[in-house]
Amino acid sequence: MKAHVYVTMKKTVLDPQGQTIARALNGMGHTGIAAVRQGKYFEIELAEGISLEAAKAELDQIASEVLSNPVIEEYRLELIS
């Protein structure tokens, strides 16, 4: 089983890197781009035999305590069989 973890800035937090990317894209002629939010992506392979419930609990703890800063970031988990 694998997990994908997506970490992004909360909507209420300014994302200067995303704004810079959006300006660069507009400057390159991609005028249909209104905004960009950048983030981090993690692909985690889980040990064989772990239950779905245990995997979700462990990944939630890892994402909230290690992979993200809960003050300014949010995360989303996807489990893939």
N, C-alpha and C. Protein backbone atom coordinates (compact mmCIF):
# COMPACT_ATOMS: atom_id res chain seq x y z
N MET A 1 0.86 -1.18 0.00
CA MET A 1 0.00 0.00 0.00
C MET A 1 0.90 1.23 0.00
N LYS A 2 0.49 2.22 -0.73
CA LYS A 2 1.22 3.49 -0.78
C LYS A 2 0.30 4.62 -0.34
N ALA A 3 0.92 5.70 0.08
CA ALA A 3 0.18 6.90 0.45
C ALA A 3 0.79 8.10 -0.25
N HIS A 4 -0.06 8.99 -0.66
CA HIS A 4 0.38 10.28 -1.18
C HIS A 4 -0.07 11.32 -0.16
N VAL A 5 0.86 12.19 0.21
CA VAL A 5 0.56 13.25 1.16
C VAL A 5 0.85 14.58 0.47
N TYR A 6 -0.16 15.43 0.42
CA TYR A 6 -0.04 16.75 -0.19
C TYR A 6 -0.11 17.79 0.92
N VAL A 7 0.91 18.65 0.99
CA VAL A 7 0.97 19.69 2.01
C VAL A 7 0.97 21.04 1.30
N THR A 8 0.03 21.90 1.67
CA THR A 8 -0.06 23.23 1.07
C THR A 8 -0.28 24.28 2.16
N MET A 9 -0.01 25.50 1.81
CA MET A 9 -0.26 26.60 2.72
C MET A 9 -1.77 26.73 2.91
N LYS A 10 -2.18 27.09 4.12
CA LYS A 10 -3.60 27.34 4.36
C LYS A 10 -4.04 28.51 3.49
N LYS A 11 -5.30 28.52 3.12
CA LYS A 11 -5.82 29.58 2.24
C LYS A 11 -5.66 30.97 2.87
N THR A 12 -5.64 31.03 4.18
CA THR A 12 -5.53 32.32 4.87
C THR A 12 -4.09 32.80 5.00
N VAL A 13 -3.12 31.98 4.55
CA VAL A 13 -1.70 32.32 4.66
C VAL A 13 -1.18 32.76 3.30
N LEU A 14 -0.46 33.87 3.29
CA LEU A 14 0.15 34.38 2.07
C LEU A 14 1.14 33.37 1.51
N ASP A 15 1.13 33.16 0.20
CA ASP A 15 2.03 32.22 -0.46
C ASP A 15 2.90 32.99 -1.45
N PRO A 16 3.99 33.61 -0.99
CA PRO A 16 4.82 34.42 -1.89
C PRO A 16 5.44 33.63 -3.03
N GLN A 17 5.81 32.38 -2.80
CA GLN A 17 6.38 31.58 -3.88
C GLN A 17 5.33 31.30 -4.95
N GLY A 18 4.11 31.00 -4.53
CA GLY A 18 3.03 30.80 -5.49
C GLY A 18 2.74 32.06 -6.29
N GLN A 19 2.78 33.21 -5.61
CA GLN A 19 2.55 34.48 -6.31
C GLN A 19 3.65 34.74 -7.34
N THR A 20 4.89 34.44 -6.99
CA THR A 20 6.00 34.61 -7.92
C THR A 20 5.84 33.71 -9.13
N ILE A 21 5.43 32.48 -8.91
CA ILE A 21 5.20 31.55 -10.02
C ILE A 21 4.08 32.07 -10.92
N ALA A 22 3.00 32.56 -10.33
CA ALA A 22 1.88 33.09 -11.11
C ALA A 22 2.33 34.28 -11.96
N ARG A 23 3.11 35.19 -11.37
CA ARG A 23 3.61 36.35 -12.14
C ARG A 23 4.51 35.89 -13.28
N ALA A 24 5.37 34.90 -13.02
CA ALA A 24 6.27 34.40 -14.06
C ALA A 24 5.46 33.77 -15.20
N LEU A 25 4.46 32.99 -14.86
CA LEU A 25 3.63 32.37 -15.90
C LEU A 25 2.91 33.43 -16.73
N ASN A 26 2.38 34.45 -16.06
CA ASN A 26 1.72 35.53 -16.80
C ASN A 26 2.72 36.24 -17.70
N GLY A 27 3.93 36.45 -17.21
CA GLY A 27 4.97 37.10 -18.00
C GLY A 27 5.39 36.27 -19.20
N MET A 28 5.20 34.96 -19.12
CA MET A 28 5.53 34.06 -20.24
C MET A 28 4.38 33.93 -21.22
N GLY A 29 3.32 34.69 -20.98
CA GLY A 29 2.19 34.67 -21.90
C GLY A 29 1.04 33.79 -21.48
N HIS A 30 1.12 33.16 -20.34
CA HIS A 30 0.04 32.31 -19.84
C HIS A 30 -0.92 33.17 -19.03
N THR A 31 -1.65 34.02 -19.73
CA THR A 31 -2.50 35.02 -19.08
C THR A 31 -3.78 34.44 -18.48
N GLY A 32 -4.06 33.18 -18.72
CA GLY A 32 -5.24 32.55 -18.13
C GLY A 32 -5.02 32.09 -16.70
N ILE A 33 -3.82 32.25 -16.18
CA ILE A 33 -3.50 31.82 -14.81
C ILE A 33 -3.80 32.98 -13.85
N ALA A 34 -4.75 32.75 -12.94
CA ALA A 34 -5.13 33.78 -11.99
C ALA A 34 -4.33 33.69 -10.69
N ALA A 35 -4.03 32.47 -10.23
CA ALA A 35 -3.30 32.30 -8.97
C ALA A 35 -2.65 30.92 -8.94
N VAL A 36 -1.58 30.82 -8.16
CA VAL A 36 -0.88 29.55 -7.97
C VAL A 36 -0.62 29.40 -6.47
N ARG A 37 -0.87 28.20 -5.96
CA ARG A 37 -0.52 27.84 -4.58
C ARG A 37 0.47 26.70 -4.70
N GLN A 38 1.64 26.84 -4.14
CA GLN A 38 2.64 25.78 -4.21
C GLN A 38 2.64 24.99 -2.92
N GLY A 39 3.23 23.80 -2.97
CA GLY A 39 3.26 22.96 -1.78
C GLY A 39 4.29 21.86 -1.89
N LYS A 40 4.11 20.84 -1.07
CA LYS A 40 5.03 19.70 -1.02
C LYS A 40 4.24 18.42 -1.27
N TYR A 41 4.91 17.44 -1.83
CA TYR A 41 4.29 16.15 -2.12
C TYR A 41 5.20 15.05 -1.58
N PHE A 42 4.61 14.10 -0.88
CA PHE A 42 5.35 12.97 -0.34
C PHE A 42 4.69 11.68 -0.80
N GLU A 43 5.50 10.71 -1.21
CA GLU A 43 5.00 9.38 -1.54
C GLU A 43 5.59 8.43 -0.53
N ILE A 44 4.74 7.76 0.23
CA ILE A 44 5.17 6.91 1.32
C ILE A 44 4.70 5.48 1.05
N GLU A 45 5.63 4.54 1.12
CA GLU A 45 5.27 3.13 0.96
C GLU A 45 5.13 2.53 2.35
N LEU A 46 4.01 1.87 2.58
CA LEU A 46 3.71 1.30 3.89
C LEU A 46 4.11 -0.17 3.95
N ALA A 47 4.42 -0.62 5.15
CA ALA A 47 4.81 -2.01 5.36
C ALA A 47 3.64 -2.95 5.05
N GLU A 48 3.97 -4.12 4.55
CA GLU A 48 2.93 -5.11 4.26
C GLU A 48 2.24 -5.54 5.55
N GLY A 49 0.96 -5.80 5.45
CA GLY A 49 0.21 -6.30 6.59
C GLY A 49 -0.41 -5.24 7.48
N ILE A 50 -0.10 -3.96 7.26
CA ILE A 50 -0.69 -2.91 8.07
C ILE A 50 -2.15 -2.73 7.67
N SER A 51 -3.02 -2.58 8.65
CA SER A 51 -4.44 -2.42 8.34
C SER A 51 -4.70 -1.01 7.82
N LEU A 52 -5.79 -0.86 7.12
CA LEU A 52 -6.17 0.44 6.58
C LEU A 52 -6.35 1.46 7.70
N GLU A 53 -7.01 1.07 8.77
CA GLU A 53 -7.25 1.98 9.89
C GLU A 53 -5.94 2.40 10.56
N ALA A 54 -5.03 1.43 10.76
CA ALA A 54 -3.73 1.74 11.37
C ALA A 54 -2.90 2.63 10.47
N ALA A 55 -2.97 2.38 9.16
CA ALA A 55 -2.23 3.21 8.20
C ALA A 55 -2.73 4.64 8.23
N LYS A 56 -4.05 4.81 8.22
CA LYS A 56 -4.62 6.16 8.26
C LYS A 56 -4.21 6.90 9.52
N ALA A 57 -4.27 6.21 10.66
CA ALA A 57 -3.92 6.85 11.94
C ALA A 57 -2.45 7.25 11.96
N GLU A 58 -1.57 6.35 11.51
CA GLU A 58 -0.14 6.64 11.53
C GLU A 58 0.20 7.76 10.56
N LEU A 59 -0.38 7.72 9.35
CA LEU A 59 -0.11 8.75 8.37
C LEU A 59 -0.63 10.11 8.83
N ASP A 60 -1.78 10.13 9.47
CA ASP A 60 -2.32 11.38 9.97
C ASP A 60 -1.37 11.98 11.01
N GLN A 61 -0.85 11.15 11.89
CA GLN A 61 0.08 11.63 12.90
C GLN A 61 1.38 12.14 12.26
N ILE A 62 1.92 11.39 11.31
CA ILE A 62 3.15 11.80 10.62
C ILE A 62 2.94 13.11 9.87
N ALA A 63 1.83 13.21 9.15
CA ALA A 63 1.57 14.43 8.37
C ALA A 63 1.40 15.65 9.26
N SER A 64 0.72 15.49 10.38
CA SER A 64 0.47 16.65 11.25
C SER A 64 1.68 17.02 12.11
N GLU A 65 2.51 16.04 12.48
CA GLU A 65 3.62 16.31 13.38
C GLU A 65 4.98 16.50 12.69
N VAL A 66 5.14 15.89 11.51
CA VAL A 66 6.45 15.90 10.86
C VAL A 66 6.45 16.61 9.51
N LEU A 67 5.49 16.26 8.66
CA LEU A 67 5.53 16.75 7.28
C LEU A 67 4.97 18.14 7.09
N SER A 68 4.16 18.61 8.02
CA SER A 68 3.55 19.93 7.86
C SER A 68 3.69 20.76 9.13
N ASN A 69 3.52 22.05 8.96
CA ASN A 69 3.46 22.97 10.09
C ASN A 69 1.99 23.34 10.26
N PRO A 70 1.32 22.80 11.27
CA PRO A 70 -0.13 22.98 11.38
C PRO A 70 -0.57 24.43 11.58
N VAL A 71 0.35 25.31 11.92
CA VAL A 71 0.00 26.72 12.09
C VAL A 71 -0.28 27.36 10.74
N ILE A 72 0.52 27.01 9.73
CA ILE A 72 0.39 27.68 8.43
C ILE A 72 0.07 26.74 7.27
N GLU A 73 0.12 25.42 7.51
CA GLU A 73 -0.09 24.48 6.41
C GLU A 73 -1.23 23.51 6.72
N GLU A 74 -1.80 22.95 5.66
CA GLU A 74 -2.79 21.90 5.76
C GLU A 74 -2.31 20.74 4.88
N TYR A 75 -2.87 19.58 5.13
CA TYR A 75 -2.44 18.42 4.34
C TYR A 75 -3.65 17.58 3.94
N ARG A 76 -3.41 16.77 2.93
CA ARG A 76 -4.43 15.85 2.43
C ARG A 76 -3.75 14.51 2.18
N LEU A 77 -4.38 13.43 2.61
CA LEU A 77 -3.85 12.08 2.45
C LEU A 77 -4.63 11.31 1.40
N GLU A 78 -3.93 10.49 0.62
CA GLU A 78 -4.56 9.55 -0.31
C GLU A 78 -3.90 8.21 -0.12
N LEU A 79 -4.67 7.19 0.11
CA LEU A 79 -4.13 5.82 0.20
C LEU A 79 -4.40 5.10 -1.10
N ILE A 80 -3.38 4.42 -1.61
CA ILE A 80 -3.48 3.69 -2.87
C ILE A 80 -3.15 2.23 -2.57
N SER A 81 -4.02 1.33 -2.98
CA SER A 81 -3.78 -0.10 -2.72
C SER A 81 -2.62 -0.63 -3.49
